[in-house]
Amino acid sequence: MKINARSPAHISACDCLKGACGCVRKSACGLVKTRGCVKKGTRGFTLVEVLVALAIVSMALPALLHEVQGQTSHTSYMRDRTIAQWIAQNKMTELRVLRRLNNQVFKGTASDQVEMAGTTWTWYLEALETPVEGMKRMEVRVSLGDKEKEESLVMLAGFVHE
């Protein structure tokens, strides 16, 4: 079977015959191609175009990296707040359970450290009077490490009936 130079079989069987310099080579099937694969007028990027593109990327990359770092920092902060919220909810639940078991309401202030998620946290508990007789307002504040109560990540308030 003879392969026609314009047939699809010839196009798929032969690689591009025209080199980057425009020379014509002999194909694997023995036919000589007179026209190259690259259309006339088509060219690659010049060195100046490549350098301009690199300059644009080099200006945009630091801003992108700064934004990614900001997102990472924000994610870490949200993780810490979530864990602090869990600790505050645990302490509030503990107060309500102790109220039902012992029929006593916590009075005054207390603080302690607890470890959760591989980190040490400090919680502060304060029982406050309310205008409603027999009701106490319980405030639980949780901070990271040994930070003061004013630097707490979370403050959770709840009410307990005496």
N, C-alpha and C. Protein backbone atom coordinates (compact mmCIF):
# COMPACT_ATOMS: atom_id res chain seq x y z
N MET A 1 0.85 -1.18 0.00
CA MET A 1 0.00 0.00 0.00
C MET A 1 0.89 1.24 0.00
N LYS A 2 0.59 2.12 -0.89
CA LYS A 2 1.38 3.34 -1.01
C LYS A 2 0.70 4.44 -0.20
N ILE A 3 1.51 5.18 0.58
CA ILE A 3 0.97 6.25 1.42
C ILE A 3 1.06 7.55 0.66
N ASN A 4 -0.07 8.22 0.53
CA ASN A 4 -0.13 9.52 -0.12
C ASN A 4 0.40 10.57 0.87
N ALA A 5 1.16 11.52 0.38
CA ALA A 5 1.77 12.54 1.24
C ALA A 5 0.73 13.40 1.94
N ARG A 6 -0.49 13.50 1.40
CA ARG A 6 -1.53 14.33 2.01
C ARG A 6 -2.52 13.50 2.83
N SER A 7 -2.35 12.21 2.90
CA SER A 7 -3.31 11.36 3.61
C SER A 7 -3.11 11.48 5.12
N PRO A 8 -4.17 11.21 5.90
CA PRO A 8 -4.05 11.26 7.36
C PRO A 8 -3.06 10.23 7.89
N ALA A 9 -2.92 9.10 7.19
CA ALA A 9 -1.96 8.08 7.63
C ALA A 9 -0.55 8.63 7.58
N HIS A 10 -0.24 9.43 6.57
CA HIS A 10 1.10 10.00 6.45
C HIS A 10 1.32 11.06 7.52
N ILE A 11 0.30 11.84 7.79
CA ILE A 11 0.45 12.90 8.79
C ILE A 11 0.69 12.29 10.17
N SER A 12 -0.05 11.21 10.49
CA SER A 12 0.14 10.60 11.81
C SER A 12 1.41 9.76 11.86
N ALA A 13 1.84 9.21 10.73
CA ALA A 13 3.03 8.36 10.73
C ALA A 13 4.31 9.16 10.76
N CYS A 14 4.29 10.37 10.25
CA CYS A 14 5.50 11.17 10.16
C CYS A 14 5.49 12.29 11.20
N ASP A 15 6.63 12.56 11.75
CA ASP A 15 6.78 13.69 12.67
C ASP A 15 6.92 14.96 11.86
N CYS A 16 6.94 16.05 12.55
CA CYS A 16 7.17 17.32 11.89
C CYS A 16 8.54 17.29 11.24
N LEU A 17 8.59 17.65 9.97
CA LEU A 17 9.84 17.55 9.23
C LEU A 17 10.62 18.84 9.21
N LYS A 18 9.98 19.92 9.52
CA LYS A 18 10.66 21.21 9.44
C LYS A 18 11.25 21.51 10.81
N GLY A 19 12.53 21.70 10.87
CA GLY A 19 13.19 22.03 12.12
C GLY A 19 12.97 23.48 12.49
N ALA A 20 13.53 23.87 13.62
CA ALA A 20 13.38 25.25 14.10
C ALA A 20 14.03 26.23 13.13
N CYS A 21 15.05 25.77 12.42
CA CYS A 21 15.75 26.67 11.48
C CYS A 21 15.05 26.73 10.13
N GLY A 22 14.00 25.93 9.90
CA GLY A 22 13.27 25.97 8.65
C GLY A 22 13.76 24.97 7.62
N CYS A 23 14.70 24.10 7.98
CA CYS A 23 15.21 23.12 7.01
C CYS A 23 14.20 22.01 6.80
N VAL A 24 14.26 21.38 5.64
CA VAL A 24 13.37 20.28 5.31
C VAL A 24 14.13 18.98 5.51
N ARG A 25 13.51 18.04 6.25
CA ARG A 25 14.16 16.75 6.50
C ARG A 25 13.36 15.64 5.82
N LYS A 26 13.99 14.51 5.72
CA LYS A 26 13.35 13.34 5.14
C LYS A 26 12.58 12.64 6.26
N SER A 27 11.33 12.23 5.97
CA SER A 27 10.51 11.60 6.99
C SER A 27 10.88 10.13 7.15
N ALA A 28 10.30 9.51 8.18
CA ALA A 28 10.58 8.11 8.47
C ALA A 28 10.06 7.20 7.37
N CYS A 29 9.02 7.62 6.66
CA CYS A 29 8.46 6.79 5.60
C CYS A 29 9.15 7.02 4.26
N GLY A 30 10.11 7.88 4.22
CA GLY A 30 10.88 8.10 3.01
C GLY A 30 10.40 9.26 2.16
N LEU A 31 9.27 9.84 2.47
CA LEU A 31 8.77 10.97 1.69
C LEU A 31 9.43 12.25 2.16
N VAL A 32 9.65 13.15 1.24
CA VAL A 32 10.23 14.44 1.59
C VAL A 32 9.10 15.45 1.63
N LYS A 33 9.03 16.14 2.72
CA LYS A 33 7.97 17.12 2.87
C LYS A 33 8.53 18.48 2.52
N THR A 34 7.81 19.19 1.69
CA THR A 34 8.32 20.49 1.26
C THR A 34 7.82 21.63 2.14
N ARG A 35 6.70 21.44 2.81
CA ARG A 35 6.20 22.47 3.71
C ARG A 35 6.38 22.00 5.14
N GLY A 36 6.71 22.92 6.03
CA GLY A 36 6.88 22.58 7.44
C GLY A 36 5.54 22.54 8.16
N CYS A 37 5.56 22.00 9.37
CA CYS A 37 4.35 21.92 10.20
C CYS A 37 3.96 23.29 10.73
N VAL A 38 4.92 24.15 10.93
CA VAL A 38 4.68 25.46 11.51
C VAL A 38 4.21 26.39 10.40
N LYS A 39 3.09 27.07 10.65
CA LYS A 39 2.57 28.00 9.66
C LYS A 39 3.48 29.21 9.58
N LYS A 40 3.54 29.78 8.40
CA LYS A 40 4.36 30.98 8.23
C LYS A 40 3.73 32.12 9.03
N GLY A 41 4.57 32.95 9.61
CA GLY A 41 4.09 34.07 10.41
C GLY A 41 3.92 33.71 11.88
N THR A 42 3.98 32.44 12.21
CA THR A 42 3.87 32.02 13.61
C THR A 42 5.25 31.99 14.21
N ARG A 43 5.38 32.53 15.42
CA ARG A 43 6.69 32.53 16.05
C ARG A 43 6.51 32.36 17.55
N GLY A 44 7.58 32.12 18.25
CA GLY A 44 7.56 31.97 19.71
C GLY A 44 7.69 33.32 20.39
N PHE A 45 7.87 33.29 21.69
CA PHE A 45 8.04 34.51 22.46
C PHE A 45 9.47 35.02 22.34
N THR A 46 9.60 36.33 22.31
CA THR A 46 10.94 36.91 22.28
C THR A 46 11.48 36.97 23.70
N LEU A 47 12.75 37.21 23.80
CA LEU A 47 13.39 37.31 25.11
C LEU A 47 12.79 38.45 25.93
N VAL A 48 12.48 39.55 25.28
CA VAL A 48 11.90 40.71 25.98
C VAL A 48 10.52 40.34 26.54
N GLU A 49 9.71 39.63 25.75
CA GLU A 49 8.39 39.23 26.22
C GLU A 49 8.49 38.29 27.42
N VAL A 50 9.42 37.37 27.37
CA VAL A 50 9.62 36.45 28.49
C VAL A 50 10.08 37.21 29.73
N LEU A 51 10.99 38.15 29.57
CA LEU A 51 11.48 38.94 30.71
C LEU A 51 10.38 39.80 31.31
N VAL A 52 9.54 40.38 30.47
CA VAL A 52 8.41 41.18 30.98
C VAL A 52 7.45 40.29 31.76
N ALA A 53 7.16 39.10 31.24
CA ALA A 53 6.28 38.17 31.95
C ALA A 53 6.88 37.77 33.29
N LEU A 54 8.17 37.50 33.32
CA LEU A 54 8.84 37.15 34.58
C LEU A 54 8.81 38.31 35.57
N ALA A 55 8.96 39.53 35.08
CA ALA A 55 8.90 40.70 35.95
C ALA A 55 7.51 40.84 36.57
N ILE A 56 6.48 40.62 35.78
CA ILE A 56 5.10 40.69 36.30
C ILE A 56 4.87 39.62 37.35
N VAL A 57 5.30 38.41 37.06
CA VAL A 57 5.14 37.31 38.03
C VAL A 57 5.93 37.60 39.30
N SER A 58 7.14 38.14 39.15
CA SER A 58 7.96 38.41 40.34
C SER A 58 7.36 39.53 41.19
N MET A 59 6.57 40.42 40.61
CA MET A 59 5.90 41.45 41.39
C MET A 59 4.65 40.90 42.07
N ALA A 60 3.96 40.00 41.42
CA ALA A 60 2.72 39.46 41.96
C ALA A 60 2.97 38.37 43.00
N LEU A 61 4.06 37.65 42.89
CA LEU A 61 4.33 36.52 43.78
C LEU A 61 4.46 36.92 45.25
N PRO A 62 5.18 37.98 45.61
CA PRO A 62 5.24 38.35 47.04
C PRO A 62 3.86 38.69 47.63
N ALA A 63 3.03 39.36 46.86
CA ALA A 63 1.68 39.68 47.35
C ALA A 63 0.88 38.41 47.56
N LEU A 64 1.01 37.46 46.66
CA LEU A 64 0.32 36.19 46.80
C LEU A 64 0.82 35.42 48.02
N LEU A 65 2.13 35.39 48.21
CA LEU A 65 2.69 34.71 49.38
C LEU A 65 2.25 35.38 50.68
N HIS A 66 2.18 36.70 50.69
CA HIS A 66 1.71 37.42 51.87
C HIS A 66 0.26 37.04 52.19
N GLU A 67 -0.55 36.94 51.16
CA GLU A 67 -1.96 36.57 51.35
C GLU A 67 -2.09 35.14 51.88
N VAL A 68 -1.30 34.23 51.35
CA VAL A 68 -1.33 32.84 51.82
C VAL A 68 -0.89 32.77 53.28
N GLN A 69 0.14 33.54 53.64
CA GLN A 69 0.60 33.56 55.03
C GLN A 69 -0.49 34.12 55.94
N GLY A 70 -1.19 35.14 55.49
CA GLY A 70 -2.29 35.70 56.27
C GLY A 70 -3.41 34.71 56.48
N GLN A 71 -3.74 33.95 55.44
CA GLN A 71 -4.78 32.93 55.57
C GLN A 71 -4.36 31.83 56.54
N THR A 72 -3.08 31.45 56.49
CA THR A 72 -2.58 30.43 57.41
C THR A 72 -2.66 30.92 58.84
N SER A 73 -2.28 32.16 59.07
CA SER A 73 -2.35 32.75 60.41
C SER A 73 -3.79 32.82 60.89
N HIS A 74 -4.70 33.21 60.02
CA HIS A 74 -6.11 33.28 60.38
C HIS A 74 -6.67 31.90 60.72
N THR A 75 -6.27 30.89 59.97
CA THR A 75 -6.71 29.53 60.24
C THR A 75 -6.24 29.07 61.61
N SER A 76 -5.00 29.38 61.96
CA SER A 76 -4.46 29.02 63.27
C SER A 76 -5.24 29.72 64.38
N TYR A 77 -5.56 31.00 64.18
CA TYR A 77 -6.32 31.75 65.18
C TYR A 77 -7.72 31.15 65.36
N MET A 78 -8.36 30.78 64.26
CA MET A 78 -9.70 30.19 64.35
C MET A 78 -9.65 28.82 65.03
N ARG A 79 -8.59 28.06 64.82
CA ARG A 79 -8.42 26.78 65.50
C ARG A 79 -8.33 27.01 67.01
N ASP A 80 -7.52 27.99 67.42
CA ASP A 80 -7.37 28.29 68.85
C ASP A 80 -8.69 28.75 69.46
N ARG A 81 -9.43 29.57 68.75
CA ARG A 81 -10.73 30.03 69.28
C ARG A 81 -11.71 28.88 69.40
N THR A 82 -11.69 27.96 68.46
CA THR A 82 -12.59 26.82 68.52
C THR A 82 -12.29 25.95 69.73
N ILE A 83 -11.02 25.66 69.96
CA ILE A 83 -10.64 24.84 71.11
C ILE A 83 -10.98 25.57 72.41
N ALA A 84 -10.74 26.88 72.48
CA ALA A 84 -11.10 27.66 73.67
C ALA A 84 -12.60 27.62 73.91
N GLN A 85 -13.38 27.66 72.85
CA GLN A 85 -14.84 27.57 72.98
C GLN A 85 -15.24 26.22 73.55
N TRP A 86 -14.61 25.15 73.11
CA TRP A 86 -14.90 23.82 73.66
C TRP A 86 -14.60 23.75 75.15
N ILE A 87 -13.48 24.33 75.55
CA ILE A 87 -13.10 24.31 76.97
C ILE A 87 -14.13 25.08 77.79
N ALA A 88 -14.55 26.25 77.31
CA ALA A 88 -15.55 27.04 78.02
C ALA A 88 -16.88 26.29 78.11
N GLN A 89 -17.29 25.64 77.04
CA GLN A 89 -18.53 24.87 77.06
C GLN A 89 -18.43 23.69 78.02
N ASN A 90 -17.27 23.03 78.03
CA ASN A 90 -17.07 21.92 78.97
C ASN A 90 -17.21 22.40 80.41
N LYS A 91 -16.60 23.53 80.73
CA LYS A 91 -16.65 24.07 82.10
C LYS A 91 -18.08 24.46 82.46
N MET A 92 -18.81 25.07 81.55
CA MET A 92 -20.19 25.45 81.81
C MET A 92 -21.06 24.21 82.02
N THR A 93 -20.85 23.18 81.24
CA THR A 93 -21.60 21.93 81.41
C THR A 93 -21.26 21.30 82.75
N GLU A 94 -20.00 21.34 83.12
CA GLU A 94 -19.57 20.81 84.42
C GLU A 94 -20.28 21.53 85.56
N LEU A 95 -20.42 22.84 85.47
CA LEU A 95 -21.14 23.60 86.51
C LEU A 95 -22.60 23.18 86.61
N ARG A 96 -23.23 22.98 85.48
CA ARG A 96 -24.65 22.59 85.48
C ARG A 96 -24.84 21.17 86.01
N VAL A 97 -23.92 20.28 85.67
CA VAL A 97 -24.01 18.90 86.17
C VAL A 97 -23.79 18.88 87.68
N LEU A 98 -22.77 19.61 88.16
CA LEU A 98 -22.52 19.66 89.60
C LEU A 98 -23.70 20.29 90.35
N ARG A 99 -24.36 21.23 89.74
CA ARG A 99 -25.54 21.85 90.34
C ARG A 99 -26.63 20.81 90.54
N ARG A 100 -26.85 19.96 89.56
CA ARG A 100 -27.90 18.94 89.68
C ARG A 100 -27.50 17.82 90.63
N LEU A 101 -26.22 17.44 90.62
CA LEU A 101 -25.79 16.33 91.48
C LEU A 101 -25.70 16.73 92.95
N ASN A 102 -25.11 17.88 93.23
CA ASN A 102 -24.86 18.29 94.61
C ASN A 102 -25.85 19.32 95.13
N ASN A 103 -26.71 19.82 94.25
CA ASN A 103 -27.69 20.84 94.60
C ASN A 103 -27.00 22.08 95.18
N GLN A 104 -25.84 22.42 94.64
CA GLN A 104 -25.10 23.60 95.06
C GLN A 104 -24.74 24.42 93.83
N VAL A 105 -24.71 25.73 94.02
CA VAL A 105 -24.33 26.64 92.94
C VAL A 105 -22.96 27.21 93.27
N PHE A 106 -22.11 27.26 92.27
CA PHE A 106 -20.77 27.82 92.46
C PHE A 106 -20.87 29.30 92.79
N LYS A 107 -20.05 29.76 93.76
CA LYS A 107 -20.01 31.17 94.14
C LYS A 107 -18.56 31.63 94.14
N GLY A 108 -18.33 32.87 93.74
CA GLY A 108 -16.98 33.43 93.77
C GLY A 108 -16.28 33.33 92.43
N THR A 109 -14.96 33.16 92.50
CA THR A 109 -14.14 33.05 91.29
C THR A 109 -13.22 31.85 91.41
N ALA A 110 -12.79 31.36 90.27
CA ALA A 110 -11.84 30.24 90.23
C ALA A 110 -11.11 30.29 88.90
N SER A 111 -9.94 29.68 88.88
CA SER A 111 -9.19 29.55 87.63
C SER A 111 -8.31 28.32 87.74
N ASP A 112 -7.98 27.76 86.60
CA ASP A 112 -7.14 26.57 86.56
C ASP A 112 -6.61 26.43 85.14
N GLN A 113 -5.67 25.51 84.99
CA GLN A 113 -5.13 25.22 83.67
C GLN A 113 -5.59 23.83 83.25
N VAL A 114 -5.78 23.68 81.97
CA VAL A 114 -6.18 22.40 81.40
C VAL A 114 -5.41 22.22 80.09
N GLU A 115 -5.15 20.97 79.74
CA GLU A 115 -4.47 20.70 78.48
C GLU A 115 -5.45 20.10 77.50
N MET A 116 -5.48 20.68 76.32
CA MET A 116 -6.33 20.15 75.25
C MET A 116 -5.64 20.39 73.93
N ALA A 117 -5.66 19.39 73.07
CA ALA A 117 -5.05 19.46 71.73
C ALA A 117 -3.56 19.77 71.82
N GLY A 118 -2.90 19.23 72.83
CA GLY A 118 -1.46 19.41 72.97
C GLY A 118 -1.03 20.79 73.42
N THR A 119 -1.97 21.60 73.91
CA THR A 119 -1.67 22.96 74.34
C THR A 119 -2.25 23.19 75.73
N THR A 120 -1.56 24.00 76.53
CA THR A 120 -2.05 24.34 77.86
C THR A 120 -2.92 25.59 77.76
N TRP A 121 -4.10 25.53 78.36
CA TRP A 121 -5.07 26.62 78.35
C TRP A 121 -5.38 27.00 79.80
N THR A 122 -5.72 28.25 80.02
CA THR A 122 -6.13 28.71 81.34
C THR A 122 -7.58 29.18 81.25
N TRP A 123 -8.42 28.66 82.17
CA TRP A 123 -9.80 29.12 82.22
C TRP A 123 -10.03 29.90 83.51
N TYR A 124 -10.91 30.87 83.42
CA TYR A 124 -11.28 31.72 84.56
C TYR A 124 -12.80 31.65 84.70
N LEU A 125 -13.27 31.39 85.90
CA LEU A 125 -14.70 31.28 86.16
C LEU A 125 -15.09 32.33 87.18
N GLU A 126 -16.19 33.01 86.93
CA GLU A 126 -16.68 34.02 87.86
C GLU A 126 -18.20 33.92 87.94
N ALA A 127 -18.70 33.85 89.19
CA ALA A 127 -20.14 33.82 89.44
C ALA A 127 -20.58 35.24 89.80
N LEU A 128 -21.54 35.76 89.09
CA LEU A 128 -22.01 37.13 89.30
C LEU A 128 -23.48 37.13 89.71
N GLU A 129 -23.83 38.08 90.55
CA GLU A 129 -25.23 38.25 90.94
C GLU A 129 -26.02 38.85 89.78
N THR A 130 -27.29 38.54 89.72
CA THR A 130 -28.18 39.12 88.71
C THR A 130 -29.34 39.81 89.43
N PRO A 131 -30.07 40.66 88.73
CA PRO A 131 -31.23 41.30 89.36
C PRO A 131 -32.35 40.30 89.68
N VAL A 132 -32.33 39.15 89.04
CA VAL A 132 -33.35 38.13 89.27
C VAL A 132 -32.93 37.29 90.47
N GLU A 133 -33.80 37.22 91.45
CA GLU A 133 -33.48 36.47 92.67
C GLU A 133 -33.38 34.97 92.35
N GLY A 134 -32.32 34.35 92.86
CA GLY A 134 -32.11 32.92 92.67
C GLY A 134 -31.36 32.55 91.39
N MET A 135 -30.97 33.56 90.62
CA MET A 135 -30.23 33.29 89.38
C MET A 135 -28.81 33.85 89.49
N LYS A 136 -27.86 33.08 89.02
CA LYS A 136 -26.46 33.51 88.98
C LYS A 136 -26.02 33.52 87.52
N ARG A 137 -25.22 34.51 87.21
CA ARG A 137 -24.60 34.57 85.88
C ARG A 137 -23.19 34.01 86.01
N MET A 138 -22.90 32.98 85.24
CA MET A 138 -21.58 32.35 85.24
C MET A 138 -20.84 32.79 83.98
N GLU A 139 -19.65 33.34 84.17
CA GLU A 139 -18.80 33.73 83.05
C GLU A 139 -17.55 32.87 83.05
N VAL A 140 -17.31 32.23 81.92
CA VAL A 140 -16.10 31.43 81.74
C VAL A 140 -15.29 32.10 80.65
N ARG A 141 -14.04 32.40 80.96
CA ARG A 141 -13.11 32.98 79.99
C ARG A 141 -11.95 31.99 79.82
N VAL A 142 -11.51 31.83 78.59
CA VAL A 142 -10.42 30.90 78.29
C VAL A 142 -9.35 31.65 77.51
N SER A 143 -8.10 31.50 77.98
CA SER A 143 -6.97 32.12 77.29
C SER A 143 -5.91 31.07 77.02
N LEU A 144 -5.06 31.37 76.08
CA LEU A 144 -4.00 30.45 75.66
C LEU A 144 -2.82 30.58 76.62
N GLY A 145 -2.38 29.46 77.17
CA GLY A 145 -1.21 29.46 78.04
C GLY A 145 -1.45 30.19 79.34
N ASP A 146 -0.48 31.03 79.74
CA ASP A 146 -0.55 31.77 81.00
C ASP A 146 -1.03 33.20 80.82
N LYS A 147 -1.71 33.50 79.75
CA LYS A 147 -2.16 34.87 79.50
C LYS A 147 -3.23 35.26 80.52
N GLU A 148 -3.34 36.55 80.74
CA GLU A 148 -4.29 37.08 81.71
C GLU A 148 -5.73 36.93 81.22
N LYS A 149 -6.66 37.09 82.16
CA LYS A 149 -8.08 36.96 81.86
C LYS A 149 -8.52 37.96 80.79
N GLU A 150 -7.94 39.15 80.81
CA GLU A 150 -8.32 40.18 79.85
C GLU A 150 -7.90 39.83 78.42
N GLU A 151 -6.95 38.92 78.27
CA GLU A 151 -6.48 38.51 76.95
C GLU A 151 -7.13 37.21 76.49
N SER A 152 -8.31 36.91 77.02
CA SER A 152 -8.95 35.64 76.70
C SER A 152 -9.42 35.61 75.25
N LEU A 153 -9.40 34.41 74.69
CA LEU A 153 -9.87 34.21 73.32
C LEU A 153 -11.39 34.11 73.27
N VAL A 154 -11.97 33.56 74.34
CA VAL A 154 -13.40 33.28 74.37
C VAL A 154 -13.96 33.66 75.73
N MET A 155 -15.17 34.22 75.72
CA MET A 155 -15.93 34.44 76.95
C MET A 155 -17.31 33.84 76.74
N LEU A 156 -17.69 32.93 77.62
CA LEU A 156 -18.98 32.27 77.52
C LEU A 156 -19.75 32.58 78.80
N ALA A 157 -20.98 33.04 78.65
CA ALA A 157 -21.82 33.37 79.81
C ALA A 157 -23.03 32.44 79.81
N GLY A 158 -23.41 32.03 80.99
CA GLY A 158 -24.58 31.19 81.16
C GLY A 158 -25.24 31.51 82.49
N PHE A 159 -26.44 31.02 82.67
CA PHE A 159 -27.19 31.30 83.90
C PHE A 159 -27.51 29.99 84.59
N VAL A 160 -27.41 30.02 85.92
CA VAL A 160 -27.70 28.84 86.73
C VAL A 160 -28.68 29.26 87.81
N HIS A 161 -29.71 28.45 87.99
CA HIS A 161 -30.71 28.71 89.03
C HIS A 161 -30.24 28.09 90.34
N GLU A 162 -30.37 28.87 91.42
CA GLU A 162 -29.94 28.36 92.74
C GLU A 162 -30.93 27.35 93.28
